[in-house]
Amino acid sequence: MQQVAQRALALNPKTVVACAYLELTSPDLPSCAADMVAQGVQAITVVPMFLGVGRHAREDLPLLMQSIQAQYPQVSFTLQAAIGEHPLVVELLAQIALS
């Protein structure tokens, strides 16, 4: 995940990028959101780095996003679908499996 964040920064150095975790590792999503808001970020997009859509992506994350949005109503929050649902990821995984 850190490599994805580094690559995103390399592709667009003006974008604020941070990795947040839902459990067992810091920083958590509320902390990252607070840091970004403190930096003046007005729009935050959360990209769940899940290959599958389990309980975290389906239940926990939407509730957490609602809580964060309520805490920072002046900020626009967007929750994307889990990366495992993206057609490009599916295509790449299929190509890797066949290689």
N, C-alpha and C. Protein backbone atom coordinates (compact mmCIF):
# COMPACT_ATOMS: atom_id res chain seq x y z
N MET A 1 0.81 -1.17 0.00
CA MET A 1 0.00 0.00 0.00
C MET A 1 0.87 1.26 0.00
N GLN A 2 1.97 1.19 0.72
CA GLN A 2 2.89 2.33 0.74
C GLN A 2 3.46 2.59 -0.65
N GLN A 3 3.75 1.52 -1.39
CA GLN A 3 4.27 1.69 -2.75
C GLN A 3 3.23 2.34 -3.66
N VAL A 4 1.98 2.00 -3.48
CA VAL A 4 0.91 2.61 -4.27
C VAL A 4 0.84 4.10 -3.95
N ALA A 5 0.94 4.44 -2.67
CA ALA A 5 0.91 5.84 -2.26
C ALA A 5 2.10 6.60 -2.84
N GLN A 6 3.27 6.00 -2.80
CA GLN A 6 4.47 6.65 -3.36
C GLN A 6 4.32 6.86 -4.86
N ARG A 7 3.77 5.88 -5.54
CA ARG A 7 3.57 6.00 -6.99
C ARG A 7 2.54 7.08 -7.31
N ALA A 8 1.47 7.15 -6.52
CA ALA A 8 0.46 8.19 -6.72
C ALA A 8 1.08 9.57 -6.55
N LEU A 9 1.93 9.73 -5.55
CA LEU A 9 2.62 11.01 -5.35
C LEU A 9 3.54 11.33 -6.52
N ALA A 10 4.21 10.31 -7.04
CA ALA A 10 5.10 10.53 -8.18
C ALA A 10 4.31 10.97 -9.41
N LEU A 11 3.13 10.39 -9.59
CA LEU A 11 2.28 10.74 -10.73
C LEU A 11 1.64 12.12 -10.58
N ASN A 12 1.35 12.51 -9.33
CA ASN A 12 0.71 13.80 -9.08
C ASN A 12 1.23 14.38 -7.77
N PRO A 13 2.39 15.04 -7.80
CA PRO A 13 3.02 15.54 -6.58
C PRO A 13 2.21 16.57 -5.80
N LYS A 14 1.21 17.19 -6.43
CA LYS A 14 0.41 18.20 -5.73
C LYS A 14 -0.72 17.59 -4.90
N THR A 15 -0.96 16.30 -5.07
CA THR A 15 -2.02 15.63 -4.34
C THR A 15 -1.52 15.21 -2.96
N VAL A 16 -2.34 15.40 -1.96
CA VAL A 16 -2.03 14.91 -0.62
C VAL A 16 -2.43 13.44 -0.57
N VAL A 17 -1.48 12.58 -0.24
CA VAL A 17 -1.73 11.14 -0.20
C VAL A 17 -1.33 10.62 1.17
N ALA A 18 -2.18 9.78 1.74
CA ALA A 18 -1.87 9.16 3.02
C ALA A 18 -2.45 7.76 3.04
N CYS A 19 -1.79 6.88 3.76
CA CYS A 19 -2.30 5.52 3.96
C CYS A 19 -2.96 5.46 5.33
N ALA A 20 -4.15 4.92 5.39
CA ALA A 20 -4.87 4.74 6.64
C ALA A 20 -5.27 3.28 6.75
N TYR A 21 -5.43 2.83 7.96
CA TYR A 21 -5.73 1.43 8.20
C TYR A 21 -6.98 1.31 9.07
N LEU A 22 -7.72 0.22 8.90
CA LEU A 22 -8.94 0.04 9.67
C LEU A 22 -8.70 -0.65 11.01
N GLU A 23 -7.67 -1.46 11.10
CA GLU A 23 -7.39 -2.12 12.37
C GLU A 23 -5.95 -2.60 12.43
N LEU A 24 -5.46 -2.73 13.62
CA LEU A 24 -4.16 -3.31 13.94
C LEU A 24 -2.95 -2.46 13.57
N THR A 25 -3.11 -1.44 12.74
CA THR A 25 -1.98 -0.63 12.30
C THR A 25 -2.39 0.84 12.33
N SER A 26 -1.42 1.66 12.63
CA SER A 26 -1.66 3.12 12.63
C SER A 26 -1.02 3.71 11.39
N PRO A 27 -1.54 4.83 10.93
CA PRO A 27 -2.64 5.62 11.45
C PRO A 27 -3.99 5.09 10.97
N ASP A 28 -5.01 5.40 11.74
CA ASP A 28 -6.35 5.01 11.32
C ASP A 28 -6.96 6.10 10.44
N LEU A 29 -8.09 5.81 9.86
CA LEU A 29 -8.73 6.74 8.92
C LEU A 29 -9.13 8.06 9.58
N PRO A 30 -9.71 8.04 10.78
CA PRO A 30 -10.03 9.33 11.41
C PRO A 30 -8.80 10.21 11.64
N SER A 31 -7.68 9.61 12.00
CA SER A 31 -6.44 10.39 12.20
C SER A 31 -5.94 10.98 10.90
N CYS A 32 -5.97 10.19 9.83
CA CYS A 32 -5.53 10.70 8.53
C CYS A 32 -6.45 11.82 8.05
N ALA A 33 -7.75 11.64 8.25
CA ALA A 33 -8.69 12.69 7.85
C ALA A 33 -8.42 13.96 8.65
N ALA A 34 -8.19 13.85 9.94
CA ALA A 34 -7.91 15.02 10.78
C ALA A 34 -6.64 15.73 10.31
N ASP A 35 -5.61 14.95 9.97
CA ASP A 35 -4.35 15.54 9.48
C ASP A 35 -4.58 16.29 8.17
N MET A 36 -5.34 15.69 7.27
CA MET A 36 -5.60 16.33 5.97
C MET A 36 -6.43 17.60 6.14
N VAL A 37 -7.44 17.54 7.00
CA VAL A 37 -8.26 18.73 7.25
C VAL A 37 -7.40 19.83 7.84
N ALA A 38 -6.49 19.47 8.75
CA ALA A 38 -5.58 20.45 9.35
C ALA A 38 -4.67 21.09 8.30
N GLN A 39 -4.38 20.35 7.23
CA GLN A 39 -3.55 20.87 6.13
C GLN A 39 -4.37 21.73 5.17
N GLY A 40 -5.68 21.79 5.38
CA GLY A 40 -6.52 22.61 4.52
C GLY A 40 -7.15 21.86 3.36
N VAL A 41 -7.05 20.55 3.36
CA VAL A 41 -7.64 19.75 2.29
C VAL A 41 -9.17 19.88 2.37
N GLN A 42 -9.79 20.15 1.24
CA GLN A 42 -11.24 20.36 1.19
C GLN A 42 -12.02 19.18 0.59
N ALA A 43 -11.30 18.26 -0.04
CA ALA A 43 -11.94 17.08 -0.64
C ALA A 43 -11.04 15.87 -0.40
N ILE A 44 -11.61 14.83 0.17
CA ILE A 44 -10.85 13.62 0.48
C ILE A 44 -11.53 12.44 -0.18
N THR A 45 -10.76 11.70 -0.96
CA THR A 45 -11.24 10.48 -1.58
C THR A 45 -10.58 9.29 -0.90
N VAL A 46 -11.38 8.34 -0.44
CA VAL A 46 -10.87 7.14 0.20
C VAL A 46 -10.96 6.00 -0.80
N VAL A 47 -9.82 5.36 -1.04
CA VAL A 47 -9.74 4.25 -1.99
C VAL A 47 -9.43 2.98 -1.20
N PRO A 48 -10.44 2.15 -0.94
CA PRO A 48 -10.20 0.94 -0.16
C PRO A 48 -9.35 -0.06 -0.93
N MET A 49 -8.22 -0.41 -0.36
CA MET A 49 -7.29 -1.33 -1.00
C MET A 49 -7.61 -2.77 -0.63
N PHE A 50 -8.86 -3.15 -0.87
CA PHE A 50 -9.31 -4.51 -0.61
C PHE A 50 -9.53 -5.21 -1.95
N LEU A 51 -9.04 -6.44 -2.06
CA LEU A 51 -9.29 -7.19 -3.28
C LEU A 51 -10.70 -7.76 -3.29
N GLY A 52 -11.21 -8.06 -2.13
CA GLY A 52 -12.57 -8.57 -2.03
C GLY A 52 -13.42 -7.60 -1.23
N VAL A 53 -14.73 -7.80 -1.30
CA VAL A 53 -15.65 -6.94 -0.57
C VAL A 53 -16.17 -7.73 0.62
N GLY A 54 -15.44 -7.67 1.71
CA GLY A 54 -15.84 -8.33 2.94
C GLY A 54 -16.55 -7.36 3.87
N ARG A 55 -16.60 -7.74 5.13
CA ARG A 55 -17.31 -6.94 6.13
C ARG A 55 -16.75 -5.53 6.25
N HIS A 56 -15.42 -5.40 6.19
CA HIS A 56 -14.82 -4.07 6.32
C HIS A 56 -15.32 -3.13 5.22
N ALA A 57 -15.23 -3.58 3.98
CA ALA A 57 -15.62 -2.72 2.86
C ALA A 57 -17.13 -2.52 2.79
N ARG A 58 -17.87 -3.53 3.16
CA ARG A 58 -19.32 -3.49 3.02
C ARG A 58 -20.01 -2.78 4.19
N GLU A 59 -19.49 -2.96 5.41
CA GLU A 59 -20.19 -2.44 6.60
C GLU A 59 -19.38 -1.41 7.38
N ASP A 60 -18.16 -1.79 7.78
CA ASP A 60 -17.36 -0.93 8.67
C ASP A 60 -16.97 0.40 8.03
N LEU A 61 -16.47 0.34 6.84
CA LEU A 61 -15.96 1.55 6.19
C LEU A 61 -17.06 2.58 5.91
N PRO A 62 -18.21 2.20 5.38
CA PRO A 62 -19.26 3.20 5.17
C PRO A 62 -19.70 3.88 6.48
N LEU A 63 -19.79 3.13 7.57
CA LEU A 63 -20.16 3.73 8.86
C LEU A 63 -19.08 4.69 9.35
N LEU A 64 -17.84 4.30 9.18
CA LEU A 64 -16.73 5.16 9.58
C LEU A 64 -16.72 6.44 8.74
N MET A 65 -16.99 6.31 7.45
CA MET A 65 -17.04 7.49 6.58
C MET A 65 -18.16 8.43 7.00
N GLN A 66 -19.32 7.90 7.38
CA GLN A 66 -20.42 8.74 7.84
C GLN A 66 -20.01 9.52 9.08
N SER A 67 -19.32 8.87 9.98
CA SER A 67 -18.87 9.51 11.22
C SER A 67 -17.87 10.63 10.92
N ILE A 68 -16.93 10.37 10.03
CA ILE A 68 -15.93 11.38 9.67
C ILE A 68 -16.59 12.55 8.95
N GLN A 69 -17.51 12.26 8.05
CA GLN A 69 -18.22 13.32 7.33
C GLN A 69 -18.98 14.21 8.30
N ALA A 70 -19.59 13.62 9.32
CA ALA A 70 -20.32 14.39 10.32
C ALA A 70 -19.37 15.28 11.13
N GLN A 71 -18.17 14.79 11.35
CA GLN A 71 -17.18 15.56 12.11
C GLN A 71 -16.63 16.74 11.31
N TYR A 72 -16.55 16.58 9.99
CA TYR A 72 -15.99 17.63 9.12
C TYR A 72 -16.98 17.93 7.99
N PRO A 73 -18.10 18.55 8.30
CA PRO A 73 -19.12 18.80 7.27
C PRO A 73 -18.65 19.75 6.16
N GLN A 74 -17.60 20.51 6.41
CA GLN A 74 -17.09 21.44 5.42
C GLN A 74 -16.22 20.75 4.36
N VAL A 75 -15.92 19.47 4.57
CA VAL A 75 -15.05 18.72 3.66
C VAL A 75 -15.90 17.75 2.85
N SER A 76 -15.57 17.63 1.57
CA SER A 76 -16.24 16.68 0.69
C SER A 76 -15.50 15.34 0.77
N PHE A 77 -16.21 14.30 1.17
CA PHE A 77 -15.63 12.96 1.26
C PHE A 77 -16.25 12.07 0.19
N THR A 78 -15.40 11.29 -0.47
CA THR A 78 -15.86 10.32 -1.47
C THR A 78 -15.27 8.97 -1.12
N LEU A 79 -16.10 7.96 -1.09
CA LEU A 79 -15.65 6.58 -0.85
C LEU A 79 -15.76 5.81 -2.16
N GLN A 80 -14.62 5.43 -2.70
CA GLN A 80 -14.63 4.64 -3.94
C GLN A 80 -14.90 3.18 -3.62
N ALA A 81 -15.21 2.42 -4.63
CA ALA A 81 -15.38 0.97 -4.48
C ALA A 81 -14.03 0.34 -4.19
N ALA A 82 -14.05 -0.82 -3.58
CA ALA A 82 -12.81 -1.56 -3.31
C ALA A 82 -12.07 -1.79 -4.62
N ILE A 83 -10.74 -1.68 -4.56
CA ILE A 83 -9.96 -1.79 -5.80
C ILE A 83 -10.15 -3.13 -6.50
N GLY A 84 -10.46 -4.17 -5.75
CA GLY A 84 -10.66 -5.49 -6.34
C GLY A 84 -11.85 -5.54 -7.29
N GLU A 85 -12.72 -4.53 -7.21
CA GLU A 85 -13.88 -4.47 -8.11
C GLU A 85 -13.58 -3.70 -9.39
N HIS A 86 -12.44 -3.04 -9.44
CA HIS A 86 -12.11 -2.22 -10.62
C HIS A 86 -11.71 -3.11 -11.79
N PRO A 87 -12.26 -2.88 -12.97
CA PRO A 87 -11.96 -3.72 -14.13
C PRO A 87 -10.46 -3.80 -14.46
N LEU A 88 -9.73 -2.72 -14.26
CA LEU A 88 -8.29 -2.76 -14.55
C LEU A 88 -7.55 -3.70 -13.60
N VAL A 89 -7.97 -3.73 -12.34
CA VAL A 89 -7.34 -4.62 -11.37
C VAL A 89 -7.67 -6.07 -11.71
N VAL A 90 -8.91 -6.33 -12.05
CA VAL A 90 -9.31 -7.68 -12.43
C VAL A 90 -8.51 -8.14 -13.65
N GLU A 91 -8.38 -7.26 -14.65
CA GLU A 91 -7.62 -7.59 -15.86
C GLU A 91 -6.16 -7.87 -15.51
N LEU A 92 -5.56 -7.03 -14.72
CA LEU A 92 -4.15 -7.20 -14.35
C LEU A 92 -3.94 -8.49 -13.57
N LEU A 93 -4.82 -8.79 -12.64
CA LEU A 93 -4.70 -10.03 -11.86
C LEU A 93 -4.84 -11.26 -12.76
N ALA A 94 -5.75 -11.19 -13.72
CA ALA A 94 -5.89 -12.29 -14.67
C ALA A 94 -4.62 -12.47 -15.49
N GLN A 95 -4.04 -11.36 -15.94
CA GLN A 95 -2.80 -11.45 -16.71
C GLN A 95 -1.65 -12.01 -15.87
N ILE A 96 -1.57 -11.60 -14.62
CA ILE A 96 -0.53 -12.13 -13.74
C ILE A 96 -0.75 -13.62 -13.51
N ALA A 97 -1.99 -14.03 -13.31
CA ALA A 97 -2.29 -15.45 -13.08
C ALA A 97 -1.91 -16.30 -14.30
N LEU A 98 -2.06 -15.73 -15.49
CA LEU A 98 -1.76 -16.50 -16.70
C LEU A 98 -0.28 -16.44 -17.10
N SER A 99 0.49 -15.60 -16.45
CA SER A 99 1.89 -15.45 -16.86
C SER A 99 2.77 -16.56 -16.30
